[in-house]
Amino acid sequence: MQFGFTLKPEHDIDRTLALTRQAEAAGFEYGWLFDSHVLWRDPYPLLTLMAGVTERMRLGTCVTNPGTRERPDPQLTRESSTSSSFRSYPK
């Protein structure tokens, strides 16, 4: 049997990453975040940070509505991916 957990992306980032580490240490294999453009923070950057503190968990959104998502701006994506303002989270 496989186990996973689901979070609303409403916790602060440190708490979410701590829960992710704890879940992996307990043997959970999946981590899911809700995706709402109205209620919570964007799950995709958070999933990226969660992936950075895990080794084997499979991560994703429960459901994403493509009607509320716009195609990313390539210039903005490039600038944000090279930003020195990202905080490094140790494993």
C-alpha atoms as a PDB file:
ATOM      1  CA  MET A   1       0.000   0.000   0.000  1.00  0.00           C
ATOM      2  CA  GLN A   2       1.247   3.501  -0.846  1.00  0.00           C
ATOM      3  CA  PHE A   3       0.556   6.641   1.162  1.00  0.00           C
ATOM      4  CA  GLY A   4       0.555  10.325   0.383  1.00  0.00           C
ATOM      5  CA  PHE A   5      -0.432  13.631   1.930  1.00  0.00           C
ATOM      6  CA  THR A   6      -2.298  16.691   0.715  1.00  0.00           C
ATOM      7  CA  LEU A   7      -1.739  20.270   1.854  1.00  0.00           C
ATOM      8  CA  LYS A   8      -3.464  23.543   1.209  1.00  0.00           C
ATOM      9  CA  PRO A   9      -0.679  25.963   0.233  1.00  0.00           C
ATOM     10  CA  GLU A  10      -1.596  28.255   3.137  1.00  0.00           C
ATOM     11  CA  HIS A  11       1.223  27.420   5.564  1.00  0.00           C
ATOM     12  CA  ASP A  12       4.400  29.421   5.568  1.00  0.00           C
ATOM     13  CA  ILE A  13       7.127  27.952   3.384  1.00  0.00           C
ATOM     14  CA  ASP A  14       9.270  26.672   6.244  1.00  0.00           C
ATOM     15  CA  ARG A  15       6.305  24.788   7.736  1.00  0.00           C
ATOM     16  CA  THR A  16       5.389  23.249   4.385  1.00  0.00           C
ATOM     17  CA  LEU A  17       8.960  22.071   3.809  1.00  0.00           C
ATOM     18  CA  ALA A  18       9.186  20.668   7.335  1.00  0.00           C
ATOM     19  CA  LEU A  19       5.958  18.710   6.790  1.00  0.00           C
ATOM     20  CA  THR A  20       7.296  17.446   3.460  1.00  0.00           C
ATOM     21  CA  ARG A  21      10.531  16.219   5.062  1.00  0.00           C
ATOM     22  CA  GLN A  22       8.585  14.595   7.891  1.00  0.00           C
ATOM     23  CA  ALA A  23       6.243  12.833   5.467  1.00  0.00           C
ATOM     24  CA  GLU A  24       9.120  11.427   3.431  1.00  0.00           C
ATOM     25  CA  ALA A  25      10.901  10.266   6.586  1.00  0.00           C
ATOM     26  CA  ALA A  26       7.685   8.484   7.627  1.00  0.00           C
ATOM     27  CA  GLY A  27       7.544   6.628   4.309  1.00  0.00           C
ATOM     28  CA  PHE A  28       4.969   8.682   2.417  1.00  0.00           C
ATOM     29  CA  GLU A  29       5.452   8.373  -1.331  1.00  0.00           C
ATOM     30  CA  TYR A  30       3.269  11.211  -2.640  1.00  0.00           C
ATOM     31  CA  GLY A  31       2.766  14.879  -1.807  1.00  0.00           C
ATOM     32  CA  TRP A  32      -0.105  16.889  -3.260  1.00  0.00           C
ATOM     33  CA  LEU A  33      -1.017  20.568  -3.120  1.00  0.00           C
ATOM     34  CA  PHE A  34      -4.354  22.162  -3.884  1.00  0.00           C
ATOM     35  CA  ASP A  35      -4.291  24.715  -6.702  1.00  0.00           C
ATOM     36  CA  SER A  36      -6.601  27.701  -6.414  1.00  0.00           C
ATOM     37  CA  HIS A  37      -5.919  31.014  -8.069  1.00  0.00           C
ATOM     38  CA  VAL A  38      -8.165  32.678  -5.489  1.00  0.00           C
ATOM     39  CA  LEU A  39      -7.621  31.017  -2.111  1.00  0.00           C
ATOM     40  CA  TRP A  40      -3.931  30.182  -1.675  1.00  0.00           C
ATOM     41  CA  ARG A  41      -0.441  30.860  -2.963  1.00  0.00           C
ATOM     42  CA  ASP A  42       0.709  29.460  -6.281  1.00  0.00           C
ATOM     43  CA  PRO A  43       1.587  25.770  -5.800  1.00  0.00           C
ATOM     44  CA  TYR A  44       4.201  25.440  -8.547  1.00  0.00           C
ATOM     45  CA  PRO A  45       7.071  27.357  -6.935  1.00  0.00           C
ATOM     46  CA  LEU A  46       6.211  25.611  -3.675  1.00  0.00           C
ATOM     47  CA  LEU A  47       6.332  22.187  -5.360  1.00  0.00           C
ATOM     48  CA  THR A  48       9.774  23.106  -6.682  1.00  0.00           C
ATOM     49  CA  LEU A  49      10.980  23.900  -3.161  1.00  0.00           C
ATOM     50  CA  MET A  50       9.402  20.679  -1.856  1.00  0.00           C
ATOM     51  CA  ALA A  51      11.254  18.698  -4.525  1.00  0.00           C
ATOM     52  CA  GLY A  52      14.476  20.290  -3.350  1.00  0.00           C
ATOM     53  CA  VAL A  53      14.097  18.855   0.162  1.00  0.00           C
ATOM     54  CA  THR A  54      13.036  15.344  -0.844  1.00  0.00           C
ATOM     55  CA  GLU A  55      14.776  12.473  -2.570  1.00  0.00           C
ATOM     56  CA  ARG A  56      12.062  10.127  -3.780  1.00  0.00           C
ATOM     57  CA  MET A  57       8.597  11.629  -3.234  1.00  0.00           C
ATOM     58  CA  ARG A  58       6.330  12.187  -6.205  1.00  0.00           C
ATOM     59  CA  LEU A  59       4.818  15.664  -6.030  1.00  0.00           C
ATOM     60  CA  GLY A  60       2.003  17.396  -7.851  1.00  0.00           C
ATOM     61  CA  THR A  61      -1.249  19.319  -7.693  1.00  0.00           C
ATOM     62  CA  CYS A  62      -4.554  17.664  -6.922  1.00  0.00           C
ATOM     63  CA  VAL A  63      -6.277  19.456  -9.804  1.00  0.00           C
ATOM     64  CA  THR A  64      -5.219  22.437 -11.896  1.00  0.00           C
ATOM     65  CA  ASN A  65      -7.730  24.400 -13.929  1.00  0.00           C
ATOM     66  CA  PRO A  66      -6.032  25.334 -17.210  1.00  0.00           C
ATOM     67  CA  GLY A  67      -8.649  28.049 -17.697  1.00  0.00           C
ATOM     68  CA  THR A  68      -7.169  30.019 -14.804  1.00  0.00           C
ATOM     69  CA  ARG A  69      -3.560  29.592 -15.925  1.00  0.00           C
ATOM     70  CA  GLU A  70      -1.864  31.814 -18.468  1.00  0.00           C
ATOM     71  CA  ARG A  71       1.105  30.851 -20.591  1.00  0.00           C
ATOM     72  CA  PRO A  72       4.261  32.030 -18.814  1.00  0.00           C
ATOM     73  CA  ASP A  73       6.077  35.065 -20.091  1.00  0.00           C
ATOM     74  CA  PRO A  74       9.481  33.724 -21.280  1.00  0.00           C
ATOM     75  CA  GLN A  75      11.284  36.923 -20.223  1.00  0.00           C
ATOM     76  CA  LEU A  76       9.796  36.853 -16.714  1.00  0.00           C
ATOM     77  CA  THR A  77      10.536  33.128 -16.382  1.00  0.00           C
ATOM     78  CA  ARG A  78      14.148  33.623 -17.441  1.00  0.00           C
ATOM     79  CA  GLU A  79      14.625  36.564 -15.051  1.00  0.00           C
ATOM     80  CA  SER A  80      13.066  34.789 -12.093  1.00  0.00           C
ATOM     81  CA  SER A  81      15.064  31.608 -12.659  1.00  0.00           C
ATOM     82  CA  THR A  82      18.325  33.533 -12.452  1.00  0.00           C
ATOM     83  CA  SER A  83      17.317  35.774  -9.554  1.00  0.00           C
ATOM     84  CA  SER A  84      19.686  35.893  -6.620  1.00  0.00           C
ATOM     85  CA  SER A  85      16.715  36.581  -4.349  1.00  0.00           C
ATOM     86  CA  PHE A  86      15.805  32.898  -4.058  1.00  0.00           C
ATOM     87  CA  ARG A  87      16.454  31.516  -0.623  1.00  0.00           C
ATOM     88  CA  SER A  88      18.254  28.205  -0.448  1.00  0.00           C
ATOM     89  CA  TYR A  89      16.529  25.537   1.630  1.00  0.00           C
ATOM     90  CA  PRO A  90      18.837  22.816   2.922  1.00  0.00           C
ATOM     91  CA  LYS A  91      17.745  19.200   2.814  1.00  0.00           C
END
